Amino acid sequence: MNKIVLQSVQFKASVQLEEFVKEKVQKLFEQDKSIIRADVTLFEGASGNPKNQFCEIELSVAGQNHFVKKNSESFEKSVLDAVKTLQKVIRRHKTKKIIRRKSEIL
Protein backbone atom coordinates (compact mmCIF):
# COMPACT_ATOMS: atom_id res chain seq x y z
CA MET A 1 0.00 0.00 0.00
CA ASN A 2 1.31 3.40 -0.95
CA LYS A 3 1.40 5.97 1.79
CA ILE A 4 -0.35 9.23 0.97
CA VAL A 5 -0.58 11.70 3.87
CA LEU A 6 -3.13 14.45 3.26
CA GLN A 7 -3.26 17.54 5.45
CA SER A 8 -5.69 20.42 5.04
CA VAL A 9 -4.66 23.54 6.95
CA GLN A 10 -7.36 25.63 8.67
CA PHE A 11 -10.24 23.85 6.90
CA LYS A 12 -11.80 20.40 6.72
CA ALA A 13 -11.36 18.80 3.30
CA SER A 14 -14.46 17.10 1.94
CA VAL A 15 -14.47 13.37 1.31
CA GLN A 16 -14.71 14.07 -2.44
CA LEU A 17 -11.63 16.31 -2.33
CA GLU A 18 -9.67 13.72 -0.32
CA GLU A 19 -10.60 10.97 -2.81
CA PHE A 20 -9.67 13.22 -5.74
CA VAL A 21 -6.25 13.96 -4.24
CA LYS A 22 -5.55 10.30 -3.49
CA GLU A 23 -6.62 9.23 -6.98
CA LYS A 24 -4.35 11.76 -8.70
CA VAL A 25 -1.34 11.27 -6.40
CA GLN A 26 -1.66 7.49 -6.80
CA LYS A 27 -0.63 7.96 -10.45
CA LEU A 28 2.80 9.12 -9.26
CA PHE A 29 3.31 5.84 -7.37
CA GLU A 30 2.43 3.94 -10.55
CA GLN A 31 4.99 5.96 -12.52
CA ASP A 32 7.90 5.37 -10.11
CA LYS A 33 8.10 2.34 -7.81
CA SER A 34 10.86 3.93 -5.68
CA ILE A 35 8.45 6.49 -4.14
CA ILE A 36 8.12 5.79 -0.44
CA ARG A 37 5.41 8.29 0.51
CA ALA A 38 3.65 11.46 -0.59
CA ASP A 39 2.88 14.32 1.79
CA VAL A 40 0.10 16.53 0.41
CA THR A 41 -0.78 19.84 2.07
CA LEU A 42 -3.77 21.95 1.01
CA PHE A 43 -4.20 25.49 2.28
CA GLU A 44 -5.63 28.88 1.34
CA GLY A 45 -3.46 31.93 0.79
CA ALA A 46 -4.33 35.61 1.02
CA SER A 47 -8.01 36.26 0.36
CA GLY A 48 -7.29 39.19 -1.98
CA ASN A 49 -5.73 36.88 -4.57
CA PRO A 50 -8.24 34.93 -6.72
CA LYS A 51 -5.69 32.10 -7.13
CA ASN A 52 -5.37 31.46 -3.41
CA GLN A 53 -5.94 27.68 -3.27
CA PHE A 54 -2.52 26.08 -2.70
CA CYS A 55 -1.33 22.50 -2.99
CA GLU A 56 2.10 21.33 -1.84
CA ILE A 57 3.28 17.81 -2.58
CA GLU A 58 6.49 16.35 -1.22
CA LEU A 59 7.50 12.95 -2.57
CA SER A 60 9.89 10.90 -0.49
CA VAL A 61 11.87 8.90 -3.03
CA ALA A 62 14.70 6.51 -2.32
CA GLY A 63 17.80 8.71 -2.41
CA GLN A 64 16.10 12.10 -2.68
CA ASN A 65 12.89 14.09 -2.30
CA HIS A 66 10.83 16.06 -4.81
CA PHE A 67 8.79 19.11 -3.75
CA VAL A 68 6.23 21.10 -5.72
CA LYS A 69 3.95 23.96 -4.71
CA LYS A 70 1.15 25.10 -7.02
CA ASN A 71 -1.75 27.51 -6.66
CA SER A 72 -4.91 28.28 -8.64
CA GLU A 73 -8.55 29.19 -8.18
CA SER A 74 -9.49 25.68 -6.96
CA PHE A 75 -7.78 22.92 -4.97
CA GLU A 76 -8.54 20.41 -7.73
CA LYS A 77 -6.69 22.47 -10.34
CA SER A 78 -3.79 23.04 -7.94
CA VAL A 79 -3.52 19.28 -7.32
CA LEU A 80 -3.62 18.54 -11.07
CA ASP A 81 -0.89 21.12 -11.77
CA ALA A 82 1.30 19.77 -8.97
CA VAL A 83 0.90 16.15 -10.09
CA LYS A 84 1.63 17.08 -13.72
CA THR A 85 4.81 18.91 -12.66
CA LEU A 86 5.94 15.98 -10.51
CA GLN A 87 5.33 13.58 -13.40
CA LYS A 88 7.72 15.67 -15.50
CA VAL A 89 10.29 15.69 -12.67
CA ILE A 90 10.06 11.89 -12.31
CA ARG A 91 10.38 11.40 -16.08
CA ARG A 92 13.42 13.68 -16.20
CA HIS A 93 15.01 11.85 -13.26
CA LYS A 94 14.42 8.45 -14.89
CA THR A 95 15.90 9.68 -18.19
CA LYS A 96 19.03 10.91 -16.41
CA LYS A 97 19.32 7.56 -14.62
CA ILE A 98 19.09 5.66 -17.92
CA ILE A 99 21.69 7.91 -19.58
CA ARG A 100 24.01 7.44 -16.61
CA ARG A 101 23.66 3.64 -16.83
CA LYS A 102 24.34 3.62 -20.57
CA SER A 103 27.46 5.75 -20.14
CA GLU A 104 28.74 3.37 -17.43
CA ILE A 105 28.29 0.39 -19.76
CA LEU A 106 30.22 2.08 -22.58
PDB file of N, CA and C in Angstrom:
ATOM      1  N   MET A   1       0.847  -1.196   0.000  1.00  0.00           N
ATOM      2  CA  MET A   1       0.000   0.000   0.000  1.00  0.00           C
ATOM      3  C   MET A   1       0.879   1.240   0.000  1.00  0.00           C
ATOM      4  N   ASN A   2       0.552   2.152  -0.868  1.00  0.00           N
ATOM      5  CA  ASN A   2       1.311   3.399  -0.953  1.00  0.00           C
ATOM      6  C   ASN A   2       0.823   4.355   0.120  1.00  0.00           C
ATOM      7  N   LYS A   3       1.756   5.073   0.697  1.00  0.00           N
ATOM      8  CA  LYS A   3       1.404   5.972   1.791  1.00  0.00           C
ATOM      9  C   LYS A   3       1.219   7.388   1.263  1.00  0.00           C
ATOM     10  N   ILE A   4      -0.008   7.866   1.362  1.00  0.00           N
ATOM     11  CA  ILE A   4      -0.348   9.231   0.973  1.00  0.00           C
ATOM     12  C   ILE A   4      -0.878   9.918   2.222  1.00  0.00           C
ATOM     13  N   VAL A   5      -0.175  10.956   2.677  1.00  0.00           N
ATOM     14  CA  VAL A   5      -0.575  11.701   3.866  1.00  0.00           C
ATOM     15  C   VAL A   5      -1.163  13.031   3.398  1.00  0.00           C
ATOM     16  N   LEU A   6      -2.435  13.239   3.688  1.00  0.00           N
ATOM     17  CA  LEU A   6      -3.133  14.452   3.263  1.00  0.00           C
ATOM     18  C   LEU A   6      -3.416  15.320   4.475  1.00  0.00           C
ATOM     19  N   GLN A   7      -3.026  16.587   4.368  1.00  0.00           N
ATOM     20  CA  GLN A   7      -3.260  17.540   5.454  1.00  0.00           C
ATOM     21  C   GLN A   7      -3.924  18.774   4.863  1.00  0.00           C
ATOM     22  N   SER A   8      -5.037  19.178   5.457  1.00  0.00           N
ATOM     23  CA  SER A   8      -5.686  20.423   5.039  1.00  0.00           C
ATOM     24  C   SER A   8      -5.552  21.407   6.203  1.00  0.00           C
ATOM     25  N   VAL A   9      -4.982  22.553   5.916  1.00  0.00           N
ATOM     26  CA  VAL A   9      -4.659  23.535   6.946  1.00  0.00           C
ATOM     27  C   VAL A   9      -5.803  24.542   7.086  1.00  0.00           C
ATOM     28  N   GLN A  10      -6.313  24.670   8.281  1.00  0.00           N
ATOM     29  CA  GLN A  10      -7.358  25.626   8.667  1.00  0.00           C
ATOM     30  C   GLN A  10      -8.677  25.425   7.927  1.00  0.00           C
ATOM     31  N   PHE A  11      -8.925  24.206   7.422  1.00  0.00           N
ATOM     32  CA  PHE A  11     -10.238  23.855   6.897  1.00  0.00           C
ATOM     33  C   PHE A  11     -10.341  22.338   6.849  1.00  0.00           C
ATOM     34  N   LYS A  12     -11.556  21.837   6.790  1.00  0.00           N
ATOM     35  CA  LYS A  12     -11.798  20.398   6.720  1.00  0.00           C
ATOM     36  C   LYS A  12     -12.068  20.036   5.265  1.00  0.00           C
ATOM     37  N   ALA A  13     -11.187  19.226   4.694  1.00  0.00           N
ATOM     38  CA  ALA A  13     -11.356  18.804   3.300  1.00  0.00           C
ATOM     39  C   ALA A  13     -12.534  17.843   3.198  1.00  0.00           C
ATOM     40  N   SER A  14     -13.319  17.999   2.156  1.00  0.00           N
ATOM     41  CA  SER A  14     -14.457  17.101   1.940  1.00  0.00           C
ATOM     42  C   SER A  14     -13.957  15.716   1.541  1.00  0.00           C
ATOM     43  N   VAL A  15     -14.808  14.736   1.691  1.00  0.00           N
ATOM     44  CA  VAL A  15     -14.466  13.370   1.307  1.00  0.00           C
ATOM     45  C   VAL A  15     -14.163  13.312  -0.186  1.00  0.00           C
ATOM     46  N   GLN A  16     -14.934  14.052  -0.992  1.00  0.00           N
ATOM     47  CA  GLN A  16     -14.709  14.070  -2.436  1.00  0.00           C
ATOM     48  C   GLN A  16     -13.338  14.639  -2.772  1.00  0.00           C
ATOM     49  N   LEU A  17     -12.942  15.712  -2.083  1.00  0.00           N
ATOM     50  CA  LEU A  17     -11.625  16.309  -2.326  1.00  0.00           C
ATOM     51  C   LEU A  17     -10.516  15.347  -1.914  1.00  0.00           C
ATOM     52  N   GLU A  18     -10.682  14.682  -0.780  1.00  0.00           N
ATOM     53  CA  GLU A  18      -9.674  13.718  -0.324  1.00  0.00           C
ATOM     54  C   GLU A  18      -9.524  12.576  -1.324  1.00  0.00           C
ATOM     55  N   GLU A  19     -10.637  12.056  -1.830  1.00  0.00           N
ATOM     56  CA  GLU A  19     -10.601  10.968  -2.811  1.00  0.00           C
ATOM     57  C   GLU A  19      -9.949  11.438  -4.108  1.00  0.00           C
ATOM     58  N   PHE A  20     -10.265  12.656  -4.531  1.00  0.00           N
ATOM     59  CA  PHE A  20      -9.675  13.223  -5.745  1.00  0.00           C
ATOM     60  C   PHE A  20      -8.160  13.305  -5.608  1.00  0.00           C
ATOM     61  N   VAL A  21      -7.691  13.826  -4.482  1.00  0.00           N
ATOM     62  CA  VAL A  21      -6.247  13.964  -4.244  1.00  0.00           C
ATOM     63  C   VAL A  21      -5.571  12.600  -4.259  1.00  0.00           C
ATOM     64  N   LYS A  22      -6.152  11.641  -3.556  1.00  0.00           N
ATOM     65  CA  LYS A  22      -5.548  10.303  -3.490  1.00  0.00           C
ATOM     66  C   LYS A  22      -5.508   9.642  -4.861  1.00  0.00           C
ATOM     67  N   GLU A  23      -6.571   9.816  -5.627  1.00  0.00           N
ATOM     68  CA  GLU A  23      -6.624   9.229  -6.976  1.00  0.00           C
ATOM     69  C   GLU A  23      -5.526   9.811  -7.868  1.00  0.00           C
ATOM     70  N   LYS A  24      -5.344  11.111  -7.828  1.00  0.00           N
ATOM     71  CA  LYS A  24      -4.350  11.761  -8.697  1.00  0.00           C
ATOM     72  C   LYS A  24      -2.924  11.484  -8.230  1.00  0.00           C
ATOM     73  N   VAL A  25      -2.688  11.508  -6.923  1.00  0.00           N
ATOM     74  CA  VAL A  25      -1.339  11.267  -6.398  1.00  0.00           C
ATOM     75  C   VAL A  25      -0.944   9.801  -6.594  1.00  0.00           C
ATOM     76  N   GLN A  26      -1.924   8.909  -6.579  1.00  0.00           N
ATOM     77  CA  GLN A  26      -1.657   7.486  -6.800  1.00  0.00           C
ATOM     78  C   GLN A  26      -0.961   7.258  -8.141  1.00  0.00           C
ATOM     79  N   LYS A  27      -1.258   8.086  -9.139  1.00  0.00           N
ATOM     80  CA  LYS A  27      -0.626   7.964 -10.454  1.00  0.00           C
ATOM     81  C   LYS A  27       0.886   8.125 -10.368  1.00  0.00           C
ATOM     82  N   LEU A  28       1.352   8.929  -9.420  1.00  0.00           N
ATOM     83  CA  LEU A  28       2.800   9.120  -9.257  1.00  0.00           C
ATOM     84  C   LEU A  28       3.456   7.825  -8.776  1.00  0.00           C
ATOM     85  N   PHE A  29       2.779   7.113  -7.865  1.00  0.00           N
ATOM     86  CA  PHE A  29       3.311   5.841  -7.367  1.00  0.00           C
ATOM     87  C   PHE A  29       3.388   4.817  -8.492  1.00  0.00           C
ATOM     88  N   GLU A  30       2.428   4.863  -9.413  1.00  0.00           N
ATOM     89  CA  GLU A  30       2.426   3.941 -10.554  1.00  0.00           C
ATOM     90  C   GLU A  30       3.554   4.264 -11.527  1.00  0.00           C
ATOM     91  N   GLN A  31       3.936   5.525 -11.590  1.00  0.00           N
ATOM     92  CA  GLN A  31       4.988   5.957 -12.516  1.00  0.00           C
ATOM     93  C   GLN A  31       6.379   5.611 -11.998  1.00  0.00           C
ATOM     94  N   ASP A  32       6.583   5.628 -10.688  1.00  0.00           N
ATOM     95  CA  ASP A  32       7.895   5.365 -10.106  1.00  0.00           C
ATOM     96  C   ASP A  32       7.738   4.501  -8.862  1.00  0.00           C
ATOM     97  N   LYS A  33       8.256   3.298  -8.919  1.00  0.00           N
ATOM     98  CA  LYS A  33       8.102   2.342  -7.810  1.00  0.00           C
ATOM     99  C   LYS A  33       9.003   2.668  -6.620  1.00  0.00           C
ATOM    100  N   SER A  34       9.947   3.601  -6.779  1.00  0.00           N
ATOM    101  CA  SER A  34      10.857   3.935  -5.678  1.00  0.00           C
ATOM    102  C   SER A  34      10.303   5.017  -4.750  1.00  0.00           C
ATOM    103  N   ILE A  35       9.083   5.495  -5.014  1.00  0.00           N
ATOM    104  CA  ILE A  35       8.454   6.490  -4.140  1.00  0.00           C
ATOM    105  C   ILE A  35       8.017   5.799  -2.854  1.00  0.00           C
ATOM    106  N   ILE A  36       8.430   6.360  -1.743  1.00  0.00           N
ATOM    107  CA  ILE A  36       8.122   5.786  -0.438  1.00  0.00           C
ATOM    108  C   ILE A  36       6.803   6.341   0.105  1.00  0.00           C
ATOM    109  N   ARG A  37       6.639   7.658   0.025  1.00  0.00           N
ATOM    110  CA  ARG A  37       5.414   8.287   0.512  1.00  0.00           C
ATOM    111  C   ARG A  37       5.228   9.649  -0.141  1.00  0.00           C
ATOM    112  N   ALA A  38       3.995  10.140  -0.063  1.00  0.00           N
ATOM    113  CA  ALA A  38       3.654  11.458  -0.595  1.00  0.00           C
ATOM    114  C   ALA A  38       2.959  12.246   0.504  1.00  0.00           C
ATOM    115  N   ASP A  39       3.494  13.415   0.817  1.00  0.00           N
ATOM    116  CA  ASP A  39       2.878  14.319   1.789  1.00  0.00           C
ATOM    117  C   ASP A  39       2.196  15.440   1.009  1.00  0.00           C
ATOM    118  N   VAL A  40       0.875  15.533   1.135  1.00  0.00           N
ATOM    119  CA  VAL A  40       0.098  16.530   0.411  1.00  0.00           C
ATOM    120  C   VAL A  40      -0.483  17.504   1.422  1.00  0.00           C
ATOM    121  N   THR A  41      -0.243  18.805   1.195  1.00  0.00           N
ATOM    122  CA  THR A  41      -0.782  19.841   2.072  1.00  0.00           C
ATOM    123  C   THR A  41      -1.628  20.797   1.239  1.00  0.00           C
ATOM    124  N   LEU A  42      -2.862  21.001   1.662  1.00  0.00           N
ATOM    125  CA  LEU A  42      -3.768  21.953   1.006  1.00  0.00           C
ATOM    126  C   LEU A  42      -4.024  23.111   1.958  1.00  0.00           C
ATOM    127  N   PHE A  43      -3.919  24.334   1.438  1.00  0.00           N
ATOM    128  CA  PHE A  43      -4.199  25.493   2.277  1.00  0.00           C
ATOM    129  C   PHE A  43      -4.596  26.678   1.406  1.00  0.00           C
ATOM    130  N   GLU A  44      -5.220  27.666   2.046  1.00  0.00           N
ATOM    131  CA  GLU A  44      -5.631  28.883   1.342  1.00  0.00           C
ATOM    132  C   GLU A  44      -4.651  29.998   1.651  1.00  0.00           C
ATOM    133  N   GLY A  45      -4.352  30.787   0.616  1.00  0.00           N
ATOM    134  CA  GLY A  45      -3.459  31.927   0.788  1.00  0.00           C
ATOM    135  C   GLY A  45      -4.246  33.180   1.097  1.00  0.00           C
ATOM    136  N   ALA A  46      -3.686  34.325   0.765  1.00  0.00           N
ATOM    137  CA  ALA A  46      -4.333  35.615   1.018  1.00  0.00           C
ATOM    138  C   ALA A  46      -5.662  35.701   0.283  1.00  0.00           C
ATOM    139  N   SER A  47      -6.671  36.221   0.944  1.00  0.00           N
ATOM    140  CA  SER A  47      -8.010  36.257   0.361  1.00  0.00           C
ATOM    141  C   SER A  47      -8.141  37.266  -0.778  1.00  0.00           C
ATOM    142  N   GLY A  48      -7.231  38.203  -0.905  1.00  0.00           N
ATOM    143  CA  GLY A  48      -7.288  39.193  -1.978  1.00  0.00           C
ATOM    144  C   GLY A  48      -6.897  38.619  -3.331  1.00  0.00           C
ATOM    145  N   ASN A  49      -6.188  37.506  -3.344  1.00  0.00           N
ATOM    146  CA  ASN A  49      -5.725  36.878  -4.575  1.00  0.00           C
ATOM    147  C   ASN A  49      -6.743  35.832  -5.028  1.00  0.00           C
ATOM    148  N   PRO A  50      -7.260  35.923  -6.274  1.00  0.00           N
ATOM    149  CA  PRO A  50      -8.242  34.929  -6.721  1.00  0.00           C
ATOM    150  C   PRO A  50      -7.649  33.518  -6.836  1.00  0.00           C
ATOM    151  N   LYS A  51      -6.350  33.404  -7.046  1.00  0.00           N
ATOM    152  CA  LYS A  51      -5.693  32.099  -7.133  1.00  0.00           C
ATOM    153  C   LYS A  51      -5.058  31.771  -5.783  1.00  0.00           C
ATOM    154  N   ASN A  52      -5.910  31.624  -4.758  1.00  0.00           N
ATOM    155  CA  ASN A  52      -5.375  31.463  -3.408  1.00  0.00           C
ATOM    156  C   ASN A  52      -5.544  30.049  -2.853  1.00  0.00           C
ATOM    157  N   GLN A  53      -5.819  29.067  -3.698  1.00  0.00           N
ATOM    158  CA  GLN A  53      -5.943  27.681  -3.269  1.00  0.00           C
ATOM    159  C   GLN A  53      -4.614  26.976  -3.570  1.00  0.00           C
ATOM    160  N   PHE A  54      -3.866  26.621  -2.531  1.00  0.00           N
ATOM    161  CA  PHE A  54      -2.522  26.077  -2.698  1.00  0.00           C
ATOM    162  C   PHE A  54      -2.483  24.570  -2.463  1.00  0.00           C
ATOM    163  N   CYS A  55      -1.603  23.917  -3.190  1.00  0.00           N
ATOM    164  CA  CYS A  55      -1.332  22.498  -2.991  1.00  0.00           C
ATOM    165  C   CYS A  55       0.180  22.311  -2.979  1.00  0.00           C
ATOM    166  N   GLU A  56       0.686  21.693  -1.924  1.00  0.00           N
ATOM    167  CA  GLU A  56       2.101  21.334  -1.840  1.00  0.00           C
ATOM    168  C   GLU A  56       2.184  19.811  -1.797  1.00  0.00           C
ATOM    169  N   ILE A  57       3.064  19.257  -2.609  1.00  0.00           N
ATOM    170  CA  ILE A  57       3.278  17.810  -2.584  1.00  0.00           C
ATOM    171  C   ILE A  57       4.766  17.563  -2.424  1.00  0.00           C
ATOM    172  N   GLU A  58       5.104  16.770  -1.412  1.00  0.00           N
ATOM    173  CA  GLU A  58       6.491  16.351  -1.219  1.00  0.00           C
ATOM    174  C   GLU A  58       6.541  14.843  -1.369  1.00  0.00           C
ATOM    175  N   LEU A  59       7.320  14.386  -2.355  1.00  0.00           N
ATOM    176  CA  LEU A  59       7.500  12.955  -2.573  1.00  0.00           C
ATOM    177  C   LEU A  59       8.784  12.508  -1.916  1.00  0.00           C
ATOM    178  N   SER A  60       8.696  11.510  -1.071  1.00  0.00           N
ATOM    179  CA  SER A  60       9.892  10.897  -0.490  1.00  0.00           C
ATOM    180  C   SER A  60      10.269   9.737  -1.405  1.00  0.00           C
ATOM    181  N   VAL A  61      11.388   9.894  -2.083  1.00  0.00           N
ATOM    182  CA  VAL A  61      11.874   8.905  -3.033  1.00  0.00           C
ATOM    183  C   VAL A  61      13.183   8.363  -2.497  1.00  0.00           C
ATOM    184  N   ALA A  62      13.438   7.102  -2.751  1.00  0.00           N
ATOM    185  CA  ALA A  62      14.697   6.507  -2.317  1.00  0.00           C
ATOM    186  C   ALA A  62      15.862   7.326  -2.871  1.00  0.00           C
ATOM    187  N   GLY A  63      16.637   7.926  -1.989  1.00  0.00           N
ATOM    188  CA  GLY A  63      17.800   8.707  -2.408  1.00  0.00           C
ATOM    189  C   GLY A  63      17.582  10.204  -2.453  1.00  0.00           C
ATOM    190  N   GLN A  64      16.345  10.656  -2.606  1.00  0.00           N
ATOM    191  CA  GLN A  64      16.099  12.097  -2.684  1.00  0.00           C
ATOM    192  C   GLN A  64      14.610  12.385  -2.523  1.00  0.00           C
ATOM    193  N   ASN A  65      14.276  13.661  -2.408  1.00  0.00           N
ATOM    194  CA  ASN A  65      12.887  14.091  -2.301  1.00  0.00           C
ATOM    195  C   ASN A  65      12.573  15.071  -3.420  1.00  0.00           C
ATOM    196  N   HIS A  66      11.308  15.098  -3.820  1.00  0.00           N
ATOM    197  CA  HIS A  66      10.834  16.064  -4.812  1.00  0.00           C
ATOM    198  C   HIS A  66       9.746  16.901  -4.137  1.00  0.00           C
ATOM    199  N   PHE A  67       9.771  18.219  -4.368  1.00  0.00           N
ATOM    200  CA  PHE A  67       8.793  19.109  -3.747  1.00  0.00           C
ATOM    201  C   PHE A  67       8.228  20.052  -4.795  1.00  0.00           C
ATOM    202  N   VAL A  68       6.896  20.187  -4.794  1.00  0.00           N
ATOM    203  CA  VAL A  68       6.230  21.097  -5.725  1.00  0.00           C
ATOM    204  C   VAL A  68       5.138  21.846  -4.969  1.00  0.00           C
ATOM    205  N   LYS A  69       5.002  23.128  -5.292  1.00  0.00           N
ATOM    206  CA  LYS A  69       3.948  23.957  -4.706  1.00  0.00           C
ATOM    207  C   LYS A  69       3.244  24.675  -5.849  1.00  0.00           C
ATOM    208  N   LYS A  70       1.938  24.479  -5.958  1.00  0.00           N
ATOM    209  CA  LYS A  70       1.152  25.104  -7.019  1.00  0.00           C
ATOM    210  C   LYS A  70      -0.066  25.783  -6.421  1.00  0.00           C
ATOM    211  N   ASN A  71      -0.545  26.829  -7.102  1.00  0.00           N
ATOM    212  CA  ASN A  71      -1.755  27.512  -6.662  1.00  0.00           C
ATOM    213  C   ASN A  71      -2.628  27.857  -7.860  1.00  0.00           C
ATOM    214  N   SER A  72      -3.944  27.887  -7.619  1.00  0.00           N
ATOM    215  CA  SER A  72      -4.907  28.276  -8.644  1.00  0.00           C
ATOM    216  C   SER A  72      -6.215  28.657  -7.953  1.00  0.00           C
ATOM    217  N   GLU A  73      -7.271  28.775  -8.751  1.00  0.00           N
ATOM    218  CA  GLU A  73      -8.552  29.190  -8.184  1.00  0.00           C
ATOM    219  C   GLU A  73      -9.304  28.056  -7.488  1.00  0.00           C
ATOM    220  N   SER A  74      -8.856  26.803  -7.666  1.00  0.00           N
ATOM    221  CA  SER A  74      -9.493  25.678  -6.962  1.00  0.00           C
ATOM    222  C   SER A  74      -8.422  24.682  -6.510  1.00  0.00           C
ATOM    223  N   PHE A  75      -8.725  23.931  -5.453  1.00  0.00           N
ATOM    224  CA  PHE A  75      -7.782  22.924  -4.965  1.00  0.00           C
ATOM    225  C   PHE A  75      -7.579  21.827  -6.007  1.00  0.00           C
ATOM    226  N   GLU A  76      -8.642  21.472  -6.727  1.00  0.00           N
ATOM    227  CA  GLU A  76      -8.541  20.415  -7.727  1.00  0.00           C
ATOM    228  C   GLU A  76      -7.541  20.791  -8.818  1.00  0.00           C
ATOM    229  N   LYS A  77      -7.626  22.014  -9.293  1.00  0.00           N
ATOM    230  CA  LYS A  77      -6.693  22.471 -10.339  1.00  0.00           C
ATOM    231  C   LYS A  77      -5.273  22.542  -9.792  1.00  0.00           C
ATOM    232  N   SER A  78      -5.113  22.988  -8.556  1.00  0.00           N
ATOM    233  CA  SER A  78      -3.785  23.042  -7.938  1.00  0.00           C
ATOM    234  C   SER A  78      -3.181  21.641  -7.831  1.00  0.00           C
ATOM    235  N   VAL A  79      -3.999  20.668  -7.439  1.00  0.00           N
ATOM    236  CA  VAL A  79      -3.525  19.281  -7.324  1.00  0.00           C
ATOM    237  C   VAL A  79      -3.113  18.762  -8.697  1.00  0.00           C
ATOM    238  N   LEU A  80      -3.947  18.992  -9.709  1.00  0.00           N
ATOM    239  CA  LEU A  80      -3.619  18.539 -11.066  1.00  0.00           C
ATOM    240  C   LEU A  80      -2.315  19.147 -11.561  1.00  0.00           C
ATOM    241  N   ASP A  81      -2.127  20.451 -11.341  1.00  0.00           N
ATOM    242  CA  ASP A  81      -0.890  21.121 -11.766  1.00  0.00           C
ATOM    243  C   ASP A  81       0.325  20.548 -11.050  1.00  0.00           C
ATOM    244  N   ALA A  82       0.189  20.309  -9.752  1.00  0.00           N
ATOM    245  CA  ALA A  82       1.303  19.774  -8.966  1.00  0.00           C
ATOM    246  C   ALA A  82       1.658  18.362  -9.417  1.00  0.00           C
ATOM    247  N   VAL A  83       0.655  17.524  -9.641  1.00  0.00           N
ATOM    248  CA  VAL A  83       0.902  16.152 -10.087  1.00  0.00           C
ATOM    249  C   VAL A  83       1.551  16.148 -11.470  1.00  0.00           C
ATOM    250  N   LYS A  84       1.056  17.007 -12.367  1.00  0.00           N
ATOM    251  CA  LYS A  84       1.630  17.079 -13.715  1.00  0.00           C
ATOM    252  C   LYS A  84       3.103  17.495 -13.657  1.00  0.00           C
ATOM    253  N   THR A  85       3.425  18.456 -12.809  1.00  0.00           N
ATOM    254  CA  THR A  85       4.811  18.905 -12.657  1.00  0.00           C
ATOM    255  C   THR A  85       5.688  17.791 -12.088  1.00  0.00           C
ATOM    256  N   LEU A  86       5.173  17.074 -11.094  1.00  0.00           N
ATOM    257  CA  LEU A  86       5.944  15.976 -10.506  1.00  0.00           C
ATOM    258  C   LEU A  86       6.136  14.835 -11.500  1.00  0.00           C
ATOM    259  N   GLN A  87       5.161  14.598 -12.368  1.00  0.00           N
ATOM    260  CA  GLN A  87       5.327  13.575 -13.403  1.00  0.00           C
ATOM    261  C   GLN A  87       6.489  13.934 -14.327  1.00  0.00           C
ATOM    262  N   LYS A  88       6.599  15.220 -14.663  1.00  0.00           N
ATOM    263  CA  LYS A  88       7.718  15.673 -15.496  1.00  0.00           C
ATOM    264  C   LYS A  88       9.048  15.490 -14.768  1.00  0.00           C
ATOM    265  N   VAL A  89       9.066  15.823 -13.473  1.00  0.00           N
ATOM    266  CA  VAL A  89      10.290  15.686 -12.674  1.00  0.00           C
ATOM    267  C   VAL A  89      10.719  14.219 -12.611  1.00  0.00           C
ATOM    268  N   ILE A  90       9.759  13.323 -12.383  1.00  0.00           N
ATOM    269  CA  ILE A  90      10.063  11.892 -12.306  1.00  0.00           C
ATOM    270  C   ILE A  90      10.580  11.388 -13.647  1.00  0.00           C
ATOM    271  N   ARG A  91       9.934  11.804 -14.737  1.00  0.00           N
ATOM    272  CA  ARG A  91      10.377  11.403 -16.075  1.00  0.00           C
ATOM    273  C   ARG A  91      11.802  11.869 -16.345  1.00  0.00           C
ATOM    274  N   ARG A  92      12.075  13.113 -15.995  1.00  0.00           N
ATOM    275  CA  ARG A  92      13.417  13.678 -16.199  1.00  0.00           C
ATOM    276  C   ARG A  92      14.453  12.903 -15.375  1.00  0.00           C
ATOM    277  N   HIS A  93      14.100  12.583 -14.144  1.00  0.00           N
ATOM    278  CA  HIS A  93      15.009  11.846 -13.258  1.00  0.00           C
ATOM    279  C   HIS A  93      15.283  10.444 -13.815  1.00  0.00           C
ATOM    280  N   LYS A  94      14.238   9.777 -14.312  1.00  0.00           N
ATOM    281  CA  LYS A  94      14.416   8.446 -14.894  1.00  0.00           C
ATOM    282  C   LYS A  94      15.303   8.507 -16.136  1.00  0.00           C
ATOM    283  N   THR A  95      15.102   9.527 -16.977  1.00  0.00           N
ATOM    284  CA  THR A  95      15.905   9.680 -18.187  1.00  0.00           C
ATOM    285  C   THR A  95      17.372   9.869 -17.836  1.00  0.00           C
ATOM    286  N   LYS A  96      17.642  10.706 -16.840  1.00  0.00           N
ATOM    287  CA  LYS A  96      19.032  10.910 -16.406  1.00  0.00           C
ATOM    288  C   LYS A  96      19.639   9.619 -15.891  1.00  0.00           C
ATOM    289  N   LYS A  97      18.845   8.827 -15.165  1.00  0.00           N
ATOM    290  CA  LYS A  97      19.324   7.561 -14.619  1.00  0.00           C
ATOM    291  C   LYS A  97      19.682   6.590 -15.747  1.00  0.00           C
ATOM    292  N   ILE A  98      18.844   6.540 -16.784  1.00  0.00           N
ATOM    293  CA  ILE A  98      19.094   5.658 -17.924  1.00  0.00           C
ATOM    294  C   ILE A  98      20.349   6.096 -18.679  1.00  0.00           C
ATOM    295  N   ILE A  99      20.505   7.395 -18.895  1.00  0.00           N
ATOM    296  CA  ILE A  99      21.694   7.907 -19.585  1.00  0.00           C
ATOM    297  C   ILE A  99      22.946   7.585 -18.783  1.00  0.00           C
ATOM    298  N   ARG A 100      22.863   7.738 -17.475  1.00  0.00           N
ATOM    299  CA  ARG A 100      24.007   7.442 -16.607  1.00  0.00           C
ATOM    300  C   ARG A 100      24.392   5.969 -16.717  1.00  0.00           C
ATOM    301  N   ARG A 101      23.400   5.080 -16.711  1.00  0.00           N
ATOM    302  CA  ARG A 101      23.663   3.637 -16.829  1.00  0.00           C
ATOM    303  C   ARG A 101      24.307   3.301 -18.164  1.00  0.00           C
ATOM    304  N   LYS A 102      23.789   3.896 -19.248  1.00  0.00           N
ATOM    305  CA  LYS A 102      24.345   3.623 -20.567  1.00  0.00           C
ATOM    306  C   LYS A 102      25.791   4.096 -20.668  1.00  0.00           C
ATOM    307  N   SER A 103      26.089   5.242 -20.066  1.00  0.00           N
ATOM    308  CA  SER A 103      27.461   5.754 -20.135  1.00  0.00           C
ATOM    309  C   SER A 103      28.407   4.894 -19.304  1.00  0.00           C
ATOM    310  N   GLU A 104      27.898   4.268 -18.236  1.00  0.00           N
ATOM    311  CA  GLU A 104      28.736   3.372 -17.429  1.00  0.00           C
ATOM    312  C   GLU A 104      29.061   2.090 -18.181  1.00  0.00           C
ATOM    313  N   ILE A 105      28.103   1.628 -18.989  1.00  0.00           N
ATOM    314  CA  ILE A 105      28.295   0.393 -19.764  1.00  0.00           C
ATOM    315  C   ILE A 105      29.341   0.617 -20.852  1.00  0.00           C
ATOM    316  N   LEU A 106      29.283   1.778 -21.492  1.00  0.00           N
ATOM    317  CA  LEU A 106      30.221   2.078 -22.583  1.00  0.00           C
ATOM    318  C   LEU A 106      31.549   2.419 -22.002  1.00  0.00           C
TER     319      LEU A 106
END
